[in-house]
Amino acid sequence: QVQLVESGGGLVQTGDSLRLSCAAPGLPWLRSTMGWFRQPPGLEREFVGWMNWNGVTSYAESVKGRFTISRTNTNNTMSLQMNSLKPEDTDVYYCAADLKTPAWSLVQKRRVTDYDYWGQGTQVTVSS
């Protein structure tokens, strides 16, 4: 059974850093491209970043230069390092896995419908 489990959320101040993790036991890791999304209350889930198996990444303009995705292929984990956090980064953050696309593909996956599995989400709150 595939599970994605996020951790690392919390309450921080403007300018602080936070690191989110996504563990994926049961996921065929080397066949997966991975993504991070976030969802403001009452709004649609929005793209944050994407990474393929080879480490190629793509980010939303709003987080580019501040957020960094990494993945460890030996233990099926992915991280989202968030620096210079702003109050507008306050959201529930989700990791997601896409098994339909070859893991080495350079086609960026930025839509919610591109992904097959989702975590339960972790809250990030940035106070001003």
C-alpha atoms as a PDB file:
ATOM      1  CA  GLN A   1       0.000   0.000   0.000  1.00  0.00           C
ATOM      2  CA  VAL A   2       1.374   3.388  -0.990  1.00  0.00           C
ATOM      3  CA  GLN A   3       1.554   6.051   1.692  1.00  0.00           C
ATOM      4  CA  LEU A   4       2.983   9.541   1.650  1.00  0.00           C
ATOM      5  CA  VAL A   5       3.584  11.097   5.050  1.00  0.00           C
ATOM      6  CA  GLU A   6       4.581  14.730   5.461  1.00  0.00           C
ATOM      7  CA  SER A   7       6.230  16.131   8.557  1.00  0.00           C
ATOM      8  CA  GLY A   8       8.078  19.225   9.689  1.00  0.00           C
ATOM      9  CA  GLY A   9       5.371  21.865   9.579  1.00  0.00           C
ATOM     10  CA  GLY A  10       4.956  24.424  12.319  1.00  0.00           C
ATOM     11  CA  LEU A  11       4.742  28.061  13.364  1.00  0.00           C
ATOM     12  CA  VAL A  12       7.640  30.332  12.424  1.00  0.00           C
ATOM     13  CA  GLN A  13       8.282  34.027  12.008  1.00  0.00           C
ATOM     14  CA  THR A  14       8.822  36.018   8.838  1.00  0.00           C
ATOM     15  CA  GLY A  15      12.308  35.381   7.474  1.00  0.00           C
ATOM     16  CA  ASP A  16      12.718  32.047   9.231  1.00  0.00           C
ATOM     17  CA  SER A  17      13.425  28.702   7.590  1.00  0.00           C
ATOM     18  CA  LEU A  18      11.587  25.402   7.794  1.00  0.00           C
ATOM     19  CA  ARG A  19      12.228  21.989   6.311  1.00  0.00           C
ATOM     20  CA  LEU A  20       9.393  19.686   5.365  1.00  0.00           C
ATOM     21  CA  SER A  21       9.889  15.987   4.781  1.00  0.00           C
ATOM     22  CA  CYS A  22       7.875  13.442   2.845  1.00  0.00           C
ATOM     23  CA  ALA A  23       8.332   9.748   3.544  1.00  0.00           C
ATOM     24  CA  ALA A  24       6.985   7.277   1.016  1.00  0.00           C
ATOM     25  CA  PRO A  25       7.000   3.681   2.242  1.00  0.00           C
ATOM     26  CA  GLY A  26       5.559   1.333  -0.327  1.00  0.00           C
ATOM     27  CA  LEU A  27       6.008   3.753  -3.216  1.00  0.00           C
ATOM     28  CA  PRO A  28       7.936   2.478  -6.222  1.00  0.00           C
ATOM     29  CA  TRP A  29      10.333   5.333  -5.676  1.00  0.00           C
ATOM     30  CA  LEU A  30      12.530   4.962  -8.716  1.00  0.00           C
ATOM     31  CA  ARG A  31       9.470   5.054 -10.958  1.00  0.00           C
ATOM     32  CA  SER A  32       8.076   8.228  -9.428  1.00  0.00           C
ATOM     33  CA  THR A  33       8.295  11.906 -10.081  1.00  0.00           C
ATOM     34  CA  MET A  34       7.454  13.922  -6.995  1.00  0.00           C
ATOM     35  CA  GLY A  35       5.828  17.235  -6.274  1.00  0.00           C
ATOM     36  CA  TRP A  36       4.963  19.690  -3.520  1.00  0.00           C
ATOM     37  CA  PHE A  37       1.734  21.636  -3.437  1.00  0.00           C
ATOM     38  CA  ARG A  38       0.089  23.968  -0.951  1.00  0.00           C
ATOM     39  CA  GLN A  39      -3.494  24.926  -0.272  1.00  0.00           C
ATOM     40  CA  PRO A  40      -4.775  28.114   1.302  1.00  0.00           C
ATOM     41  CA  PRO A  41      -8.060  27.841   3.215  1.00  0.00           C
ATOM     42  CA  GLY A  42     -11.030  27.759   0.867  1.00  0.00           C
ATOM     43  CA  LEU A  43      -8.885  27.848  -2.245  1.00  0.00           C
ATOM     44  CA  GLU A  44      -7.546  25.314  -4.712  1.00  0.00           C
ATOM     45  CA  ARG A  45      -4.328  23.429  -4.198  1.00  0.00           C
ATOM     46  CA  GLU A  46      -1.462  25.152  -5.983  1.00  0.00           C
ATOM     47  CA  PHE A  47       1.865  23.971  -7.350  1.00  0.00           C
ATOM     48  CA  VAL A  48       5.023  24.647  -5.366  1.00  0.00           C
ATOM     49  CA  GLY A  49       7.700  22.476  -6.947  1.00  0.00           C
ATOM     50  CA  TRP A  50       8.512  19.281  -8.844  1.00  0.00           C
ATOM     51  CA  MET A  51      11.469  16.931  -9.101  1.00  0.00           C
ATOM     52  CA  ASN A  52      12.179  13.946 -11.293  1.00  0.00           C
ATOM     53  CA  TRP A  53      14.314  10.937 -10.402  1.00  0.00           C
ATOM     54  CA  ASN A  54      17.478  12.554 -11.751  1.00  0.00           C
ATOM     55  CA  GLY A  55      17.100  15.637  -9.577  1.00  0.00           C
ATOM     56  CA  VAL A  56      15.778  18.023 -12.229  1.00  0.00           C
ATOM     57  CA  THR A  57      13.517  20.546 -10.528  1.00  0.00           C
ATOM     58  CA  SER A  58      11.009  23.225 -11.327  1.00  0.00           C
ATOM     59  CA  TYR A  59       9.388  25.761  -8.988  1.00  0.00           C
ATOM     60  CA  ALA A  60       6.499  28.165  -8.863  1.00  0.00           C
ATOM     61  CA  GLU A  61       7.585  31.763  -9.408  1.00  0.00           C
ATOM     62  CA  SER A  62       6.386  32.709  -5.933  1.00  0.00           C
ATOM     63  CA  VAL A  63       8.906  30.394  -4.250  1.00  0.00           C
ATOM     64  CA  LYS A  64      11.766  30.307  -6.750  1.00  0.00           C
ATOM     65  CA  GLY A  65      15.064  31.156  -5.078  1.00  0.00           C
ATOM     66  CA  ARG A  66      13.646  30.547  -1.590  1.00  0.00           C
ATOM     67  CA  PHE A  67      12.478  26.921  -1.682  1.00  0.00           C
ATOM     68  CA  THR A  68      14.556  23.880  -2.628  1.00  0.00           C
ATOM     69  CA  ILE A  69      13.411  20.304  -3.219  1.00  0.00           C
ATOM     70  CA  SER A  70      15.686  17.363  -2.639  1.00  0.00           C
ATOM     71  CA  ARG A  71      15.120  13.630  -2.621  1.00  0.00           C
ATOM     72  CA  THR A  72      17.035  10.688  -1.242  1.00  0.00           C
ATOM     73  CA  ASN A  73      16.574   7.689  -3.469  1.00  0.00           C
ATOM     74  CA  THR A  74      18.072   5.264  -0.960  1.00  0.00           C
ATOM     75  CA  ASN A  75      15.349   5.711   1.656  1.00  0.00           C
ATOM     76  CA  ASN A  76      12.350   7.021  -0.294  1.00  0.00           C
ATOM     77  CA  THR A  77      12.251  10.497   1.186  1.00  0.00           C
ATOM     78  CA  MET A  78      11.818  13.958  -0.241  1.00  0.00           C
ATOM     79  CA  SER A  79      12.361  17.297   1.432  1.00  0.00           C
ATOM     80  CA  LEU A  80      11.271  20.872   0.875  1.00  0.00           C
ATOM     81  CA  GLN A  81      13.681  23.413   2.332  1.00  0.00           C
ATOM     82  CA  MET A  82      11.895  26.719   2.770  1.00  0.00           C
ATOM     83  CA  ASN A  83      13.959  29.825   3.446  1.00  0.00           C
ATOM     84  CA  SER A  84      13.040  33.485   3.859  1.00  0.00           C
ATOM     85  CA  LEU A  85       9.478  32.548   4.714  1.00  0.00           C
ATOM     86  CA  LYS A  86       6.731  35.111   4.309  1.00  0.00           C
ATOM     87  CA  PRO A  87       3.233  35.309   5.812  1.00  0.00           C
ATOM     88  CA  GLU A  88       1.809  34.515   2.373  1.00  0.00           C
ATOM     89  CA  ASP A  89       3.556  31.126   2.554  1.00  0.00           C
ATOM     90  CA  THR A  90       1.104  30.141   5.285  1.00  0.00           C
ATOM     91  CA  ASP A  91      -0.747  27.075   3.961  1.00  0.00           C
ATOM     92  CA  VAL A  92      -1.179  23.361   4.301  1.00  0.00           C
ATOM     93  CA  TYR A  93       1.628  21.708   2.336  1.00  0.00           C
ATOM     94  CA  TYR A  94       1.234  18.388   0.535  1.00  0.00           C
ATOM     95  CA  CYS A  95       3.665  16.049  -1.150  1.00  0.00           C
ATOM     96  CA  ALA A  96       2.515  14.018  -4.133  1.00  0.00           C
ATOM     97  CA  ALA A  97       3.757  11.217  -6.354  1.00  0.00           C
ATOM     98  CA  ASP A  98       3.222  10.653 -10.062  1.00  0.00           C
ATOM     99  CA  LEU A  99       3.602   7.097 -11.287  1.00  0.00           C
ATOM    100  CA  LYS A 100       2.224   7.629 -14.779  1.00  0.00           C
ATOM    101  CA  THR A 101       5.192   9.530 -16.125  1.00  0.00           C
ATOM    102  CA  PRO A 102       8.626   7.926 -16.466  1.00  0.00           C
ATOM    103  CA  ALA A 103      10.694   9.018 -13.479  1.00  0.00           C
ATOM    104  CA  TRP A 104      13.462  10.373 -15.718  1.00  0.00           C
ATOM    105  CA  SER A 105      11.048  12.504 -17.766  1.00  0.00           C
ATOM    106  CA  LEU A 106      11.752  16.219 -18.107  1.00  0.00           C
ATOM    107  CA  VAL A 107       8.070  17.024 -18.534  1.00  0.00           C
ATOM    108  CA  GLN A 108       7.198  19.184 -15.544  1.00  0.00           C
ATOM    109  CA  LYS A 109       4.117  18.158 -13.601  1.00  0.00           C
ATOM    110  CA  ARG A 110       2.368  21.238 -12.225  1.00  0.00           C
ATOM    111  CA  ARG A 111      -1.265  20.169 -12.061  1.00  0.00           C
ATOM    112  CA  VAL A 112      -3.040  18.416  -9.216  1.00  0.00           C
ATOM    113  CA  THR A 113      -4.436  15.903 -11.716  1.00  0.00           C
ATOM    114  CA  ASP A 114      -0.920  14.880 -12.753  1.00  0.00           C
ATOM    115  CA  TYR A 115      -0.420  13.055  -9.458  1.00  0.00           C
ATOM    116  CA  ASP A 116      -1.621   9.672  -8.264  1.00  0.00           C
ATOM    117  CA  TYR A 117      -0.870   9.727  -4.532  1.00  0.00           C
ATOM    118  CA  TRP A 118      -1.014  12.428  -1.886  1.00  0.00           C
ATOM    119  CA  GLY A 119       0.028  12.868   1.681  1.00  0.00           C
ATOM    120  CA  GLN A 120      -2.253  14.116   4.423  1.00  0.00           C
ATOM    121  CA  GLY A 121      -0.677  17.557   4.537  1.00  0.00           C
ATOM    122  CA  THR A 122       1.277  19.518   7.123  1.00  0.00           C
ATOM    123  CA  GLN A 123       0.440  23.036   8.301  1.00  0.00           C
ATOM    124  CA  VAL A 124       2.962  25.820   7.878  1.00  0.00           C
ATOM    125  CA  THR A 125       2.169  29.130   9.558  1.00  0.00           C
ATOM    126  CA  VAL A 126       4.362  32.187   9.139  1.00  0.00           C
ATOM    127  CA  SER A 127       3.663  35.057  11.511  1.00  0.00           C
ATOM    128  CA  SER A 128       4.420  38.646  10.587  1.00  0.00           C
END
